[in-house]
């Protein structure tokens, strides 16, 4: 399973650039294999991303903005959902992956199972 981060290589928004860097930096630092899917340079990527973000996750007006995160073709969420999962030490669950032994997320799951 490959995590796909739909991003824009040429975005005029500094907020979007920072969010993209935050997501990809976290994934790289945690050795989570991911693929960058550039929606600015590839119209097929842009079209696929827009068609596959679920209705309940779309903005009320306009199109979904990057970064959007998928596990293969399964939608995981946008930056806000990623940020919330990171704060809750639940990124692996958010991504549909098994947390590696010794990670904060695996330790938190083990504590919950013992209770």
C-alpha atoms as a PDB file:
ATOM      1  CA  UNK A   1       0.000   0.000   0.000  1.00  0.00           C
ATOM      2  CA  UNK A   2       1.360   3.370  -1.006  1.00  0.00           C
ATOM      3  CA  UNK A   3       0.331   6.618   0.609  1.00  0.00           C
ATOM      4  CA  UNK A   4      -0.368   9.248  -2.031  1.00  0.00           C
ATOM      5  CA  UNK A   5      -0.156  12.929  -1.199  1.00  0.00           C
ATOM      6  CA  UNK A   6      -1.880  15.100  -3.778  1.00  0.00           C
ATOM      7  CA  UNK A   7       0.003  18.375  -3.750  1.00  0.00           C
ATOM      8  CA  UNK A   8       0.652  21.423  -5.922  1.00  0.00           C
ATOM      9  CA  UNK A   9       4.254  22.156  -6.862  1.00  0.00           C
ATOM     10  CA  UNK A  10       3.352  25.703  -7.829  1.00  0.00           C
ATOM     11  CA  UNK A  11       0.874  27.109  -5.352  1.00  0.00           C
ATOM     12  CA  UNK A  12       0.511  30.814  -4.714  1.00  0.00           C
ATOM     13  CA  UNK A  13      -0.655  30.106  -1.170  1.00  0.00           C
ATOM     14  CA  UNK A  14       2.042  29.982   1.504  1.00  0.00           C
ATOM     15  CA  UNK A  15      -0.422  28.184   3.810  1.00  0.00           C
ATOM     16  CA  UNK A  16      -0.855  25.354   1.282  1.00  0.00           C
ATOM     17  CA  UNK A  17       2.917  25.151   0.747  1.00  0.00           C
ATOM     18  CA  UNK A  18       3.509  24.886   4.503  1.00  0.00           C
ATOM     19  CA  UNK A  19       0.788  22.250   4.915  1.00  0.00           C
ATOM     20  CA  UNK A  20       2.250  20.171   2.080  1.00  0.00           C
ATOM     21  CA  UNK A  21       5.747  20.436   3.560  1.00  0.00           C
ATOM     22  CA  UNK A  22       4.387  19.491   6.986  1.00  0.00           C
ATOM     23  CA  UNK A  23       2.662  16.332   5.709  1.00  0.00           C
ATOM     24  CA  UNK A  24       5.515  15.170   3.484  1.00  0.00           C
ATOM     25  CA  UNK A  25       8.157  16.045   6.074  1.00  0.00           C
ATOM     26  CA  UNK A  26       6.347  14.012   8.731  1.00  0.00           C
ATOM     27  CA  UNK A  27       5.940  11.024   6.415  1.00  0.00           C
ATOM     28  CA  UNK A  28       9.609  11.141   5.379  1.00  0.00           C
ATOM     29  CA  UNK A  29      10.839  11.553   8.978  1.00  0.00           C
ATOM     30  CA  UNK A  30       8.804   8.527  10.027  1.00  0.00           C
ATOM     31  CA  UNK A  31       9.987   6.490   7.034  1.00  0.00           C
ATOM     32  CA  UNK A  32       6.460   6.123   5.690  1.00  0.00           C
ATOM     33  CA  UNK A  33       6.703   5.460   1.965  1.00  0.00           C
ATOM     34  CA  UNK A  34       4.639   7.923  -0.023  1.00  0.00           C
ATOM     35  CA  UNK A  35       4.203   9.204  -3.533  1.00  0.00           C
ATOM     36  CA  UNK A  36       3.813  12.870  -4.424  1.00  0.00           C
ATOM     37  CA  UNK A  37       1.047  13.390  -6.983  1.00  0.00           C
ATOM     38  CA  UNK A  38       1.421  16.893  -8.381  1.00  0.00           C
ATOM     39  CA  UNK A  39      -1.903  18.432  -9.382  1.00  0.00           C
ATOM     40  CA  UNK A  40      -0.264  21.564 -10.813  1.00  0.00           C
ATOM     41  CA  UNK A  41       1.883  19.747 -13.374  1.00  0.00           C
ATOM     42  CA  UNK A  42      -0.451  16.838 -14.147  1.00  0.00           C
ATOM     43  CA  UNK A  43      -4.067  17.418 -15.135  1.00  0.00           C
ATOM     44  CA  UNK A  44      -4.919  13.717 -14.641  1.00  0.00           C
ATOM     45  CA  UNK A  45      -3.772  13.948 -10.990  1.00  0.00           C
ATOM     46  CA  UNK A  46      -5.873  17.076 -10.460  1.00  0.00           C
ATOM     47  CA  UNK A  47      -8.939  15.475 -12.017  1.00  0.00           C
ATOM     48  CA  UNK A  48      -8.510  12.203 -10.077  1.00  0.00           C
ATOM     49  CA  UNK A  49      -8.070  14.025  -6.747  1.00  0.00           C
ATOM     50  CA  UNK A  50     -11.131  16.210  -7.279  1.00  0.00           C
ATOM     51  CA  UNK A  51     -13.286  13.245  -8.289  1.00  0.00           C
ATOM     52  CA  UNK A  52     -12.198  11.040  -5.376  1.00  0.00           C
ATOM     53  CA  UNK A  53     -12.482  13.364  -2.388  1.00  0.00           C
ATOM     54  CA  UNK A  54     -15.804  12.263  -0.797  1.00  0.00           C
ATOM     55  CA  UNK A  55     -18.727  14.674  -0.913  1.00  0.00           C
ATOM     56  CA  UNK A  56     -18.766  15.117   2.880  1.00  0.00           C
ATOM     57  CA  UNK A  57     -15.100  16.157   2.807  1.00  0.00           C
ATOM     58  CA  UNK A  58     -15.429  18.774   0.085  1.00  0.00           C
ATOM     59  CA  UNK A  59     -15.514  22.507   0.765  1.00  0.00           C
ATOM     60  CA  UNK A  60     -18.946  24.105   0.514  1.00  0.00           C
ATOM     61  CA  UNK A  61     -17.745  26.145  -2.471  1.00  0.00           C
ATOM     62  CA  UNK A  62     -15.024  25.426  -4.995  1.00  0.00           C
ATOM     63  CA  UNK A  63     -12.787  22.386  -5.327  1.00  0.00           C
ATOM     64  CA  UNK A  64     -10.829  20.492  -2.661  1.00  0.00           C
ATOM     65  CA  UNK A  65      -7.388  22.020  -2.160  1.00  0.00           C
ATOM     66  CA  UNK A  66      -4.108  20.202  -1.584  1.00  0.00           C
ATOM     67  CA  UNK A  67      -2.773  18.490   0.332  1.00  0.00           C
ATOM     68  CA  UNK A  68      -5.227  15.582   0.078  1.00  0.00           C
ATOM     69  CA  UNK A  69      -4.053  12.209   1.363  1.00  0.00           C
ATOM     70  CA  UNK A  70      -4.980   8.748   0.062  1.00  0.00           C
ATOM     71  CA  UNK A  71      -3.879   5.191   0.824  1.00  0.00           C
ATOM     72  CA  UNK A  72      -3.820   3.896  -2.760  1.00  0.00           C
ATOM     73  CA  UNK A  73      -7.375   4.857  -3.772  1.00  0.00           C
ATOM     74  CA  UNK A  74      -8.844   5.014  -0.240  1.00  0.00           C
ATOM     75  CA  UNK A  75      -9.359   8.593   0.940  1.00  0.00           C
ATOM     76  CA  UNK A  76      -7.640   9.337   4.265  1.00  0.00           C
ATOM     77  CA  UNK A  77      -8.282  13.058   4.610  1.00  0.00           C
ATOM     78  CA  UNK A  78      -7.025  16.596   4.151  1.00  0.00           C
ATOM     79  CA  UNK A  79      -4.415  18.537   6.116  1.00  0.00           C
ATOM     80  CA  UNK A  80      -6.732  19.329   9.029  1.00  0.00           C
ATOM     81  CA  UNK A  81      -7.608  15.643   9.490  1.00  0.00           C
ATOM     82  CA  UNK A  82      -3.902  14.724   9.244  1.00  0.00           C
ATOM     83  CA  UNK A  83      -2.999  17.381  11.811  1.00  0.00           C
ATOM     84  CA  UNK A  84      -5.674  16.127  14.226  1.00  0.00           C
ATOM     85  CA  UNK A  85      -4.464  12.531  13.819  1.00  0.00           C
ATOM     86  CA  UNK A  86      -0.875  13.622  14.468  1.00  0.00           C
ATOM     87  CA  UNK A  87      -1.888  15.485  17.616  1.00  0.00           C
ATOM     88  CA  UNK A  88      -3.726  12.359  18.814  1.00  0.00           C
ATOM     89  CA  UNK A  89      -0.761  10.068  17.973  1.00  0.00           C
ATOM     90  CA  UNK A  90      -3.022   8.276  15.494  1.00  0.00           C
ATOM     91  CA  UNK A  91      -1.376   8.993  12.117  1.00  0.00           C
ATOM     92  CA  UNK A  92      -0.864   5.331  11.222  1.00  0.00           C
ATOM     93  CA  UNK A  93      -4.555   4.576  11.849  1.00  0.00           C
ATOM     94  CA  UNK A  94      -5.469   7.715   9.846  1.00  0.00           C
ATOM     95  CA  UNK A  95      -3.361   6.415   6.958  1.00  0.00           C
ATOM     96  CA  UNK A  96      -4.777   2.885   7.231  1.00  0.00           C
ATOM     97  CA  UNK A  97      -1.388   1.491   8.275  1.00  0.00           C
ATOM     98  CA  UNK A  98      -0.240  -0.605  11.222  1.00  0.00           C
ATOM     99  CA  UNK A  99       1.793   1.414  13.718  1.00  0.00           C
ATOM    100  CA  UNK A 100       5.361   0.085  14.038  1.00  0.00           C
ATOM    101  CA  UNK A 101       6.384  -1.432  17.396  1.00  0.00           C
ATOM    102  CA  UNK A 102       7.846   1.157  19.732  1.00  0.00           C
ATOM    103  CA  UNK A 103       6.015   4.101  18.160  1.00  0.00           C
ATOM    104  CA  UNK A 104       3.929   6.385  20.381  1.00  0.00           C
ATOM    105  CA  UNK A 105       0.851   5.249  18.506  1.00  0.00           C
ATOM    106  CA  UNK A 106       1.599   1.529  19.070  1.00  0.00           C
ATOM    107  CA  UNK A 107       2.257   2.199  22.769  1.00  0.00           C
ATOM    108  CA  UNK A 108      -1.021   4.138  23.092  1.00  0.00           C
ATOM    109  CA  UNK A 109      -2.924   1.281  21.415  1.00  0.00           C
ATOM    110  CA  UNK A 110      -1.312  -1.264  23.740  1.00  0.00           C
ATOM    111  CA  UNK A 111      -2.310   0.799  26.805  1.00  0.00           C
ATOM    112  CA  UNK A 112      -5.910   1.047  25.547  1.00  0.00           C
ATOM    113  CA  UNK A 113      -6.083  -2.713  24.983  1.00  0.00           C
ATOM    114  CA  UNK A 114      -4.837  -3.395  28.531  1.00  0.00           C
ATOM    115  CA  UNK A 115      -7.579  -1.288  30.102  1.00  0.00           C
END
